[in-house]
Amino acid sequence: MSKSLNSIYAFNYDSKEEFLHGVIAISARKALEKEKINSLEKLSDYSEKEIMQLHGFGKNTMVKLKNYMKENQVCFKEV
């Protein structure tokens, strides 16, 4: 049974969803994807306020995202 589940997973795998996987919730990741933000470099072109306006972003998600960005030495655009 596990063999077929692995096959299904491999078939449905989408590398675009890899960005921030395990860092923030899928609704927030999809909001970023909709805005074509798929890298930390692109994310750094936005202010924290701009990202907070997207669907799926709240205080907890922003804390997780900012911590991840700090670990990777990236920050939001200053307004």
C-alpha atoms as a PDB file:
ATOM      1  CA  MET A   1       0.000   0.000   0.000  1.00  0.00           C
ATOM      2  CA  SER A   2       2.732   2.500   0.832  1.00  0.00           C
ATOM      3  CA  LYS A   3       4.242   1.943  -2.596  1.00  0.00           C
ATOM      4  CA  SER A   4       1.126   3.288  -4.309  1.00  0.00           C
ATOM      5  CA  LEU A   5       0.899   6.238  -1.898  1.00  0.00           C
ATOM      6  CA  ASN A   6       4.456   7.191  -2.748  1.00  0.00           C
ATOM      7  CA  SER A   7       3.585   7.064  -6.433  1.00  0.00           C
ATOM      8  CA  ILE A   8       0.582   9.323  -5.899  1.00  0.00           C
ATOM      9  CA  TYR A   9       2.671  11.784  -3.914  1.00  0.00           C
ATOM     10  CA  ALA A  10       5.353  11.900  -6.598  1.00  0.00           C
ATOM     11  CA  PHE A  11       2.727  12.438  -9.285  1.00  0.00           C
ATOM     12  CA  ASN A  12       1.049  15.299  -7.388  1.00  0.00           C
ATOM     13  CA  TYR A  13       4.269  16.969  -6.268  1.00  0.00           C
ATOM     14  CA  ASP A  14       4.447  20.602  -7.341  1.00  0.00           C
ATOM     15  CA  SER A  15       7.837  22.286  -6.934  1.00  0.00           C
ATOM     16  CA  LYS A  16       6.227  25.750  -6.932  1.00  0.00           C
ATOM     17  CA  GLU A  17       4.665  24.957  -3.561  1.00  0.00           C
ATOM     18  CA  GLU A  18       8.103  24.297  -2.085  1.00  0.00           C
ATOM     19  CA  PHE A  19       8.713  27.991  -1.275  1.00  0.00           C
ATOM     20  CA  LEU A  20       8.063  28.498   2.466  1.00  0.00           C
ATOM     21  CA  HIS A  21       6.647  24.978   2.813  1.00  0.00           C
ATOM     22  CA  GLY A  22       6.615  24.146   6.509  1.00  0.00           C
ATOM     23  CA  VAL A  23       7.153  27.779   7.467  1.00  0.00           C
ATOM     24  CA  ILE A  24       3.726  29.334   6.911  1.00  0.00           C
ATOM     25  CA  ALA A  25       0.238  27.980   6.236  1.00  0.00           C
ATOM     26  CA  ILE A  26      -0.847  26.993   2.750  1.00  0.00           C
ATOM     27  CA  SER A  27      -3.381  29.853   2.483  1.00  0.00           C
ATOM     28  CA  ALA A  28      -0.606  32.388   3.015  1.00  0.00           C
ATOM     29  CA  ARG A  29       1.697  30.553   0.581  1.00  0.00           C
ATOM     30  CA  LYS A  30      -1.035  30.548  -2.060  1.00  0.00           C
ATOM     31  CA  ALA A  31      -1.544  34.292  -1.556  1.00  0.00           C
ATOM     32  CA  LEU A  32       2.159  34.835  -2.202  1.00  0.00           C
ATOM     33  CA  GLU A  33       2.003  32.565  -5.234  1.00  0.00           C
ATOM     34  CA  LYS A  34      -0.927  34.568  -6.603  1.00  0.00           C
ATOM     35  CA  GLU A  35       1.246  37.699  -6.371  1.00  0.00           C
ATOM     36  CA  LYS A  36       4.094  35.787  -8.076  1.00  0.00           C
ATOM     37  CA  ILE A  37       6.255  35.962  -4.939  1.00  0.00           C
ATOM     38  CA  ASN A  38       8.206  32.714  -5.022  1.00  0.00           C
ATOM     39  CA  SER A  39      11.547  33.634  -3.473  1.00  0.00           C
ATOM     40  CA  LEU A  40      12.931  35.554  -0.525  1.00  0.00           C
ATOM     41  CA  GLU A  41      14.434  38.059  -2.949  1.00  0.00           C
ATOM     42  CA  LYS A  42      11.010  38.877  -4.385  1.00  0.00           C
ATOM     43  CA  LEU A  43       9.515  38.960  -0.895  1.00  0.00           C
ATOM     44  CA  SER A  44      12.098  41.558   0.143  1.00  0.00           C
ATOM     45  CA  ASP A  45      10.701  43.905  -2.536  1.00  0.00           C
ATOM     46  CA  TYR A  46       7.524  44.271  -0.439  1.00  0.00           C
ATOM     47  CA  SER A  47       6.877  46.020   2.861  1.00  0.00           C
ATOM     48  CA  GLU A  48       5.504  44.171   5.857  1.00  0.00           C
ATOM     49  CA  LYS A  49       2.313  46.226   5.543  1.00  0.00           C
ATOM     50  CA  GLU A  50       1.819  45.167   1.912  1.00  0.00           C
ATOM     51  CA  ILE A  51       2.189  41.479   2.782  1.00  0.00           C
ATOM     52  CA  MET A  52      -0.149  41.785   5.780  1.00  0.00           C
ATOM     53  CA  GLN A  53      -2.907  42.884   3.386  1.00  0.00           C
ATOM     54  CA  LEU A  54      -2.822  39.537   1.583  1.00  0.00           C
ATOM     55  CA  HIS A  55      -5.339  36.831   2.429  1.00  0.00           C
ATOM     56  CA  GLY A  56      -4.008  34.314   4.932  1.00  0.00           C
ATOM     57  CA  PHE A  57      -1.625  36.688   6.676  1.00  0.00           C
ATOM     58  CA  GLY A  58      -2.079  37.564  10.311  1.00  0.00           C
ATOM     59  CA  LYS A  59       0.148  38.265  13.289  1.00  0.00           C
ATOM     60  CA  ASN A  60       1.220  34.639  13.816  1.00  0.00           C
ATOM     61  CA  THR A  61       2.025  34.063  10.150  1.00  0.00           C
ATOM     62  CA  MET A  62       3.980  37.305  10.003  1.00  0.00           C
ATOM     63  CA  VAL A  63       6.024  36.353  13.091  1.00  0.00           C
ATOM     64  CA  LYS A  64       6.906  33.000  11.500  1.00  0.00           C
ATOM     65  CA  LEU A  65       7.752  34.657   8.190  1.00  0.00           C
ATOM     66  CA  LYS A  66       9.900  37.373   9.768  1.00  0.00           C
ATOM     67  CA  ASN A  67      11.816  34.790  11.823  1.00  0.00           C
ATOM     68  CA  TYR A  68      12.458  32.738   8.690  1.00  0.00           C
ATOM     69  CA  MET A  69      13.583  35.828   6.793  1.00  0.00           C
ATOM     70  CA  LYS A  70      15.901  36.847   9.642  1.00  0.00           C
ATOM     71  CA  GLU A  71      17.478  33.372   9.655  1.00  0.00           C
ATOM     72  CA  ASN A  72      18.165  33.842   5.945  1.00  0.00           C
ATOM     73  CA  GLN A  73      19.393  37.440   6.353  1.00  0.00           C
ATOM     74  CA  VAL A  74      16.549  38.963   4.366  1.00  0.00           C
ATOM     75  CA  CYS A  75      14.199  41.737   5.452  1.00  0.00           C
ATOM     76  CA  PHE A  76      11.134  43.554   4.192  1.00  0.00           C
ATOM     77  CA  LYS A  77      11.394  46.761   2.205  1.00  0.00           C
ATOM     78  CA  GLU A  78      11.434  49.859   4.381  1.00  0.00           C
ATOM     79  CA  VAL A  79       8.666  52.347   3.676  1.00  0.00           C
END
